Structure formats: C-alpha cells, structure tokens
Amino acid sequence: MDNFQLTILTIYFIYIAWHLNHLRIKNALRMNSEPLTHQPLFIAAITIPLFSFIAFGLIIWVNYSFQLNEDGFNTFLNISKLPLALLSLSIPFGVVVNNIHRTIQTDKQIKEAEKKNRIDGFYNHRKNTIDVFQNVPFMSLKVADQTQEKLEFENSYKIYGLFFPNSSIFSDIHIPSRLLLEESEKKFLKINKLLTDFPNPSPIGQLRKHNIIEKHLEGIHKIYHLSALKEKRRVEYSWHYKDYLISIITKFPSHSELQQAMHVYFSCYVEIHNAVGLPVRDEFIKKIKEFNDFIINKNNIPSVWTRVPSGYYVISAPKVKVGPGSLGRNDPHLVHIPS
C-alpha cells in the first residue's frame, strides 16, 4: 500500500469517526417530525455510503488508467465491486430511516388528533354541562316578605370547575365529583338530628333549633354557590311569652315557610344530582328519614307561636320596650342565642 492509498484510508476513518460523533452530539437516533432532509440520520445514510464508495474507489482506481470503452467499463465493474457495494448501502439505509421517520410523523398526527379531540371534548362537555346548569329547574324560595326568589347558580363556570375538577384540555376525564354534594349532605344530616328530638317544651329551645336549621340552610345555599338572596328580605317579630318580650329577625318566620325552605333546598340537592349525572344514594335518604317526614308534614315541630321566628333573639323583662338601642349588650335581661 503506497502513501496515497494510506492517506485516503486515514482520511476515510477520520471522516467516519467525525460523522459518528456528530450524530451522537445531534442525538440523531431521536428523529422528529420535521422534513426528512432535516434529519441528520438520513443525511448520514446517504453521505457515509457515498464517501465510502469514493474512498475505497480511489484506493483501487489509482493503479488503473481511465478508458471510455467496453474494456474500460468491464474493468471498472470488475474492480469496483466493494465500492459499489458500499454505495448501494445508501438505499436500504435510506429506506429504513424513511420508514422510521414516517412512523414518527404518523405518531405525531395521531397525538395531534387526540389532542384536538381532547380539547373539543372538553369544550363540548363544558358547554353542554353549563347549559344544563343554567337550566336546572330549581324551585323558588319564599322569603319573609312573601317574595318568591328563583334559585340559580351564581357562576355556572365556577360550578363546572367544582363538579369536574379533573376536566381540562389536557384530560378527557369528565367524572363528576361528589365533594360539594357530600358537604351539603353533612348539613342535611345535622338538620335531621335536630328534628329527631322535637318537640321541645321550651319555646326558646325550639326557637334556637329553628334558628340553627335556618343557618344550615344558608350553609347549603353557599355550598351550592347559589345567587345571594337579598338581605333586606328579613322581618322582625316581637311577642310576649309568659313574663318575657321576645323579638326575632328571620327569613322564614313561620313553620310552613321553614318547611318550604327545607323542601326547596332538598329539591336543589336532587336536581344537582340529575344535572351532573349522579344518582341520589339510597343510604343517605334512609339517614334523613325525619327530614323527609318533616317536609311532607308527617313530623311537625309543635308551634307555641302564631309565626315561628328565628335568627337573632332579644329577651327582655316584661314592660321593657325592645328596640334599637333600648338594651345594652351588658344588660342582664339581654340574651343572644348564637346559631
């Protein structure tokens, strides 16, 4: 082997080593969906066989003269078997790289389609669910000034996020959460417990229970994020009981109005279940039997007053006028019954 052939062979191996290192740096085995001509692996599949053909060809051809005739071509084909074989490797290498690249592009198209379907699915689900939320047939609530207030969600988009916390453009999980409903169930169970030990011979005790029930109903109202009721829709009642004058501020001043309010909020509980596609659990209904009996008049709270008030209680000694500023907070006759 003469110096020329040794030089060509040295250059060849240096080039192969450089190109392989270049492929490692470019992380060429991890192709992307860009055009095939932008893939370093595809370029290597063409250039390395081509450079191998030229390098080994020069090593072989250096001892032959150039002839454009039949003998020349025959000699070329005869002595160039190895260079031509190396050159032909570009075809299978290119085909393999092309097939891998096509697979990557197909995979990306599938992922893009799935992403688009997830996004479309999320927005369609949210739109349809919000349409349902905005048309839930909630009952109207009759408050103290005899006004009927139609209940509705304060913000349907917020309610959607609370009932479907896992729904997003990145997820196709649209499973409703029971969290809000379970929070309201705790309130219903507390009301039910209050109803189990009625009647109470003490009017003040019954008033206190009435007041606690009203507070629990307000809690359910907030849990469901219903639009706020007008605070002015409260009334004050004063009446004598034995040696006391009792004054109360409330939204549901009568036994029947309290029943109606409880029925309205339980109806909200059922309608929200229907809206989000969750069944009302039978075991819960069994636990609030007294509640259901009460709202259908099977279990009444005995009334010792014409209209049953609740809310803020002021109890004073007889013949003492009850009004704004009439009694101080430290007056021994002033009793505030907390909710």
Protein backbone atom coordinates (compact mmCIF):
# COMPACT_ATOMS: atom_id res chain seq x y z
CA MET A 1 0.00 0.00 0.00
CA ASP A 2 1.58 3.28 -1.12
CA ASN A 3 1.41 6.62 0.66
CA PHE A 4 -1.57 7.84 -1.40
CA GLN A 5 -3.71 4.84 -0.50
CA LEU A 6 -2.70 5.10 3.16
CA THR A 7 -3.60 8.80 3.20
CA ILE A 8 -7.03 8.12 1.66
CA LEU A 9 -7.71 5.34 4.16
CA THR A 10 -6.67 7.57 7.05
CA ILE A 11 -8.91 10.41 5.84
CA TYR A 12 -11.77 7.93 5.46
CA PHE A 13 -11.58 6.65 9.04
CA ILE A 14 -11.18 10.18 10.39
CA TYR A 15 -14.30 11.21 8.48
CA ILE A 16 -16.31 8.19 9.73
CA ALA A 17 -15.24 8.88 13.33
CA TRP A 18 -16.15 12.58 12.99
CA HIS A 19 -19.53 11.83 11.42
CA LEU A 20 -20.44 9.25 14.07
CA ASN A 21 -19.50 11.71 16.82
CA HIS A 22 -21.57 14.37 15.03
CA LEU A 23 -24.57 12.02 15.04
CA ARG A 24 -24.07 11.42 18.77
CA ILE A 25 -23.94 15.14 19.52
CA LYS A 26 -27.06 15.77 17.42
CA ASN A 27 -28.79 12.83 19.11
CA ALA A 28 -29.61 11.66 15.60
CA LEU A 29 -31.28 8.44 16.70
CA ARG A 30 -34.11 10.55 18.15
CA MET A 31 -35.68 11.84 14.98
CA ASN A 32 -38.54 14.34 14.94
CA SER A 33 -41.39 15.11 12.58
CA GLU A 34 -39.50 17.75 10.58
CA PRO A 35 -38.85 17.05 6.85
CA LEU A 36 -36.64 14.05 6.09
CA THR A 37 -33.89 16.26 4.65
CA HIS A 38 -33.56 17.90 8.09
CA GLN A 39 -32.79 14.59 9.77
CA PRO A 40 -29.03 14.05 10.46
CA LEU A 41 -29.55 10.28 10.37
CA PHE A 42 -30.98 10.43 6.84
CA ILE A 43 -28.09 12.60 5.65
CA ALA A 44 -25.64 10.12 7.20
CA ALA A 45 -27.43 7.21 5.45
CA ILE A 46 -26.65 8.92 2.10
CA THR A 47 -23.28 10.57 2.67
CA ILE A 48 -21.41 7.78 4.51
CA PRO A 49 -22.01 5.14 1.75
CA LEU A 50 -21.18 7.78 -0.89
CA PHE A 51 -17.93 8.77 0.85
CA SER A 52 -17.08 5.07 1.36
CA PHE A 53 -17.58 4.48 -2.38
CA ILE A 54 -15.25 7.35 -3.28
CA ALA A 55 -12.61 6.48 -0.66
CA PHE A 56 -12.30 2.79 -1.48
CA GLY A 57 -12.72 3.54 -5.17
CA LEU A 58 -9.71 5.88 -5.12
CA ILE A 59 -7.65 3.25 -3.33
CA ILE A 60 -8.50 0.72 -6.08
CA TRP A 61 -8.59 3.01 -9.13
CA VAL A 62 -5.21 4.62 -8.50
CA ASN A 63 -3.43 1.77 -10.30
CA TYR A 64 -5.66 1.95 -13.41
CA SER A 65 -5.93 4.39 -16.30
CA PHE A 66 -9.19 5.97 -17.43
CA GLN A 67 -10.74 4.33 -20.54
CA LEU A 68 -14.13 5.10 -22.10
CA ASN A 69 -14.65 1.85 -23.94
CA GLU A 70 -16.04 -1.62 -23.40
CA ASP A 71 -12.88 -2.92 -21.76
CA GLY A 72 -12.72 0.14 -19.53
CA PHE A 73 -16.30 -0.31 -18.27
CA ASN A 74 -15.84 -4.04 -17.76
CA THR A 75 -12.65 -3.42 -15.84
CA PHE A 76 -14.36 -0.70 -13.77
CA LEU A 77 -17.21 -3.04 -12.82
CA ASN A 78 -14.83 -5.85 -12.05
CA ILE A 79 -12.53 -3.87 -9.77
CA SER A 80 -15.27 -1.71 -8.18
CA LYS A 81 -17.37 -4.45 -6.56
CA LEU A 82 -16.56 -3.32 -2.99
CA PRO A 83 -17.03 0.45 -3.62
CA LEU A 84 -20.29 -0.20 -5.48
CA ALA A 85 -21.48 -2.50 -2.68
CA LEU A 86 -20.72 0.23 -0.15
CA LEU A 87 -22.55 2.81 -2.31
CA SER A 88 -25.60 0.54 -2.60
CA LEU A 89 -25.96 0.55 1.21
CA SER A 90 -27.44 4.04 0.93
CA ILE A 91 -30.66 2.55 -0.48
CA PRO A 92 -31.58 0.23 2.43
CA PHE A 93 -30.26 2.71 4.99
CA GLY A 94 -32.34 5.50 3.42
CA VAL A 95 -35.44 3.28 3.28
CA VAL A 96 -35.09 2.27 6.94
CA VAL A 97 -34.62 5.88 8.06
CA ASN A 98 -37.54 6.98 5.89
CA ASN A 99 -39.84 4.34 7.40
CA ILE A 100 -38.85 5.33 10.93
CA HIS A 101 -39.44 8.98 10.06
CA ARG A 102 -42.85 8.17 8.58
CA THR A 103 -43.77 6.30 11.76
CA ILE A 104 -42.78 9.32 13.84
CA GLN A 105 -44.86 11.64 11.65
CA THR A 106 -47.85 9.27 11.86
CA ASP A 107 -47.48 9.08 15.63
CA LYS A 108 -47.40 12.88 15.84
CA GLN A 109 -50.51 13.15 13.66
CA ILE A 110 -52.28 10.68 15.90
CA LYS A 111 -51.24 12.61 19.00
CA GLU A 112 -52.31 15.91 17.43
CA ALA A 113 -55.67 14.38 16.53
CA GLU A 114 -56.05 13.03 20.07
CA LYS A 115 -55.10 16.44 21.48
CA LYS A 116 -57.66 18.15 19.26
CA ASN A 117 -60.29 15.59 20.24
CA ARG A 118 -59.50 16.18 23.94
CA ILE A 119 -59.78 19.94 23.52
CA ASP A 120 -63.00 19.65 21.51
CA GLY A 121 -64.33 17.10 24.00
CA PHE A 122 -63.56 19.37 26.97
CA TYR A 123 -65.19 22.46 25.47
CA ASN A 124 -68.21 20.49 24.25
CA HIS A 125 -68.63 18.84 27.64
CA ARG A 126 -68.27 22.17 29.45
CA LYS A 127 -70.68 23.94 27.12
CA ASN A 128 -73.30 21.21 27.38
CA THR A 129 -72.92 20.92 31.15
CA ILE A 130 -73.12 24.69 31.67
CA ASP A 131 -76.25 24.75 29.51
CA VAL A 132 -77.69 22.14 31.86
CA PHE A 133 -76.59 24.13 34.94
CA GLN A 134 -78.20 27.29 33.59
CA ASN A 135 -81.48 25.45 33.05
CA VAL A 136 -81.70 23.39 36.24
CA PRO A 137 -85.37 23.56 37.31
CA PHE A 138 -84.70 24.92 40.80
CA MET A 139 -87.76 25.79 42.85
CA SER A 140 -88.47 29.32 44.04
CA LEU A 141 -87.81 30.17 47.67
CA LYS A 142 -90.42 32.17 49.55
CA VAL A 143 -88.76 34.53 51.98
CA ALA A 144 -90.05 36.64 54.83
CA ASP A 145 -91.59 39.46 52.79
CA GLN A 146 -93.56 36.84 50.82
CA THR A 147 -91.37 37.38 47.76
CA GLN A 148 -90.61 34.34 45.60
CA GLU A 149 -86.91 34.19 44.71
CA LYS A 150 -85.89 31.85 41.89
CA LEU A 151 -82.74 29.99 42.87
CA GLU A 152 -79.93 29.75 40.35
CA PHE A 153 -76.20 29.21 40.29
CA GLU A 154 -74.12 32.30 40.92
CA ASN A 155 -71.49 31.32 38.31
CA SER A 156 -72.05 28.25 36.15
CA TYR A 157 -68.41 28.16 35.00
CA LYS A 158 -67.21 28.05 38.61
CA ILE A 159 -69.71 25.32 39.44
CA TYR A 160 -68.48 23.31 36.45
CA GLY A 161 -64.91 23.55 37.75
CA LEU A 162 -66.01 22.42 41.22
CA PHE A 163 -68.02 19.44 39.99
CA PHE A 164 -65.50 18.42 37.31
CA PRO A 165 -62.08 19.26 38.83
CA ASN A 166 -60.24 16.79 36.56
CA SER A 167 -61.72 18.07 33.31
CA SER A 168 -59.33 20.14 31.20
CA ILE A 169 -57.93 20.44 27.69
CA PHE A 170 -55.17 18.06 28.81
CA SER A 171 -57.51 15.36 30.08
CA ASP A 172 -60.54 13.55 28.74
CA ILE A 173 -61.70 12.57 32.24
CA HIS A 174 -65.15 14.04 32.86
CA ILE A 175 -66.13 12.24 36.06
CA PRO A 176 -68.24 14.39 38.42
CA SER A 177 -67.02 14.95 41.97
CA ARG A 178 -69.29 14.33 44.95
CA LEU A 179 -67.39 16.76 47.17
CA LEU A 180 -69.96 19.59 47.16
CA LEU A 181 -72.84 17.16 47.47
CA GLU A 182 -71.18 15.41 50.40
CA GLU A 183 -70.64 18.77 52.11
CA SER A 184 -74.33 19.56 51.77
CA GLU A 185 -75.25 16.05 52.99
CA LYS A 186 -73.49 16.86 56.27
CA LYS A 187 -75.79 19.87 56.65
CA PHE A 188 -78.90 17.79 55.92
CA LEU A 189 -77.77 15.21 58.48
CA LYS A 190 -77.31 17.92 61.10
CA ILE A 191 -80.81 19.23 60.41
CA ASN A 192 -82.14 15.69 60.59
CA LYS A 193 -80.51 15.24 64.02
CA LEU A 194 -82.20 18.41 65.25
CA LEU A 195 -85.56 17.07 64.10
CA THR A 196 -85.20 13.75 65.91
CA ASP A 197 -85.57 15.24 69.41
CA PHE A 198 -88.51 17.56 68.75
CA PRO A 199 -90.82 18.52 70.40
CA ASN A 200 -89.11 20.68 72.95
CA PRO A 201 -91.34 22.12 75.66
CA SER A 202 -89.25 25.28 75.81
CA PRO A 203 -90.21 27.88 73.20
CA ILE A 204 -86.70 29.34 73.42
CA GLY A 205 -85.23 25.89 72.79
CA GLN A 206 -87.47 25.43 69.79
CA LEU A 207 -86.56 28.88 68.51
CA ARG A 208 -82.90 28.05 68.86
CA LYS A 209 -83.34 24.86 66.82
CA HIS A 210 -85.34 26.79 64.25
CA ASN A 211 -82.50 29.29 64.04
CA ILE A 212 -79.85 26.57 63.65
CA ILE A 213 -81.88 24.94 60.87
CA GLU A 214 -82.05 28.30 59.09
CA LYS A 215 -78.27 28.68 59.41
CA HIS A 216 -77.72 25.19 57.98
CA LEU A 217 -79.97 26.06 55.03
CA GLU A 218 -77.89 29.18 54.46
CA GLY A 219 -74.80 26.96 54.55
CA ILE A 220 -76.28 24.69 51.88
CA HIS A 221 -77.06 27.79 49.82
CA LYS A 222 -73.38 28.80 49.96
CA ILE A 223 -72.08 25.27 49.31
CA TYR A 224 -74.07 25.13 46.05
CA HIS A 225 -72.84 28.66 45.14
CA LEU A 226 -76.37 29.86 44.53
CA SER A 227 -77.00 33.53 43.86
CA ALA A 228 -77.22 35.51 47.07
CA LEU A 229 -80.65 36.34 48.43
CA LYS A 230 -81.44 39.96 49.16
CA GLU A 231 -80.55 40.58 52.81
CA LYS A 232 -83.40 43.05 53.22
CA ARG A 233 -85.80 40.18 52.89
CA ARG A 234 -85.88 39.54 56.61
CA VAL A 235 -88.60 40.50 59.03
CA GLU A 236 -88.67 41.21 62.75
CA TYR A 237 -91.36 39.84 65.06
CA SER A 238 -91.96 40.63 68.70
CA TRP A 239 -94.38 38.94 71.05
CA HIS A 240 -94.94 38.17 74.74
CA TYR A 241 -94.24 34.78 76.21
CA LYS A 242 -95.05 34.49 79.93
CA ASP A 243 -93.00 37.26 81.56
CA TYR A 244 -90.81 37.92 78.55
CA LEU A 245 -90.95 40.00 75.41
CA ILE A 246 -89.18 38.21 72.57
CA SER A 247 -88.00 39.93 69.37
CA ILE A 248 -86.64 37.98 66.39
CA ILE A 249 -85.30 38.72 62.90
CA THR A 250 -85.69 35.92 60.36
CA LYS A 251 -86.19 34.96 56.70
CA PHE A 252 -88.61 32.12 57.45
CA PRO A 253 -90.91 33.37 60.20
CA SER A 254 -93.47 30.57 60.10
CA HIS A 255 -93.49 26.82 60.50
CA SER A 256 -94.77 26.31 56.94
CA GLU A 257 -92.16 28.67 55.47
CA LEU A 258 -89.38 26.76 57.17
CA GLN A 259 -90.79 23.52 55.78
CA GLN A 260 -90.99 25.04 52.33
CA ALA A 261 -87.38 26.28 52.52
CA MET A 262 -86.15 22.83 53.59
CA HIS A 263 -88.10 21.28 50.72
CA VAL A 264 -86.61 23.78 48.24
CA TYR A 265 -83.02 23.07 49.28
CA PHE A 266 -83.54 19.31 49.27
CA SER A 267 -85.00 19.71 45.77
CA CYS A 268 -81.77 21.56 44.83
CA TYR A 269 -79.80 18.58 46.11
CA VAL A 270 -81.80 16.20 43.90
CA GLU A 271 -81.73 18.46 40.82
CA ILE A 272 -77.95 18.94 41.05
CA HIS A 273 -77.55 15.16 41.17
CA ASN A 274 -79.59 14.93 37.99
CA ALA A 275 -77.62 17.75 36.35
CA VAL A 276 -74.21 16.14 36.88
CA GLY A 277 -75.44 12.60 36.24
CA LEU A 278 -75.00 11.19 39.74
CA PRO A 279 -77.63 9.02 41.45
CA VAL A 280 -79.01 10.04 44.81
CA ARG A 281 -77.70 7.46 47.26
CA ASP A 282 -80.37 5.35 48.93
CA GLU A 283 -78.36 5.02 52.13
CA PHE A 284 -78.34 8.80 52.53
CA ILE A 285 -82.11 9.06 52.00
CA LYS A 286 -82.59 6.48 54.75
CA LYS A 287 -80.42 8.53 57.11
CA ILE A 288 -82.61 11.64 56.73
CA LYS A 289 -85.99 10.00 57.22
CA GLU A 290 -87.04 12.56 59.85
CA PHE A 291 -86.06 15.38 57.48
CA ASN A 292 -88.23 13.97 54.68
CA ASP A 293 -91.09 13.26 57.07
CA PHE A 294 -90.93 16.84 58.29
CA ILE A 295 -91.07 18.47 54.86
CA ILE A 296 -94.16 16.42 53.97
CA ASN A 297 -95.84 17.22 57.28
CA LYS A 298 -95.51 13.79 58.88
CA ASN A 299 -93.38 15.08 61.72
CA ASN A 300 -94.26 18.61 62.81
CA ILE A 301 -92.45 20.85 65.22
CA PRO A 302 -95.10 21.92 67.76
CA SER A 303 -95.75 25.62 67.50
CA VAL A 304 -96.33 27.78 70.51
CA TRP A 305 -96.46 31.00 68.47
CA THR A 306 -98.54 32.19 65.56
CA ARG A 307 -95.48 32.62 63.32
CA VAL A 308 -92.28 30.79 64.21
CA PRO A 309 -89.39 33.25 64.10
CA SER A 310 -85.65 32.55 64.21
CA GLY A 311 -82.40 34.33 63.79
CA TYR A 312 -81.46 36.97 66.37
CA TYR A 313 -83.19 36.77 69.73
CA VAL A 314 -83.63 39.53 72.28
CA ILE A 315 -85.30 38.52 75.52
CA SER A 316 -86.18 41.29 77.96
CA ALA A 317 -88.09 41.58 81.18
CA PRO A 318 -91.80 42.49 80.92
CA LYS A 319 -92.79 46.08 80.31
CA VAL A 320 -89.33 46.87 78.92
CA LYS A 321 -89.53 48.31 75.43
CA VAL A 322 -87.45 46.38 72.89
CA GLY A 323 -85.98 48.42 70.08
CA PRO A 324 -82.74 49.77 68.61
CA GLY A 325 -80.51 50.88 71.47
CA SER A 326 -83.11 50.10 74.13
CA LEU A 327 -80.91 47.47 75.79
CA GLY A 328 -77.15 47.41 76.07
CA ARG A 329 -75.00 44.37 75.44
CA ASN A 330 -74.23 44.07 79.16
CA ASP A 331 -77.85 44.32 80.26
CA PRO A 332 -78.63 41.14 82.28
CA HIS A 333 -82.01 40.84 80.55
CA LEU A 334 -80.45 40.66 77.05
CA VAL A 335 -79.85 37.15 75.78
CA HIS A 336 -78.28 36.47 72.38
CA ILE A 337 -78.83 32.86 71.28
CA PRO A 338 -75.99 32.00 68.85
CA SER A 339 -76.56 29.87 65.77
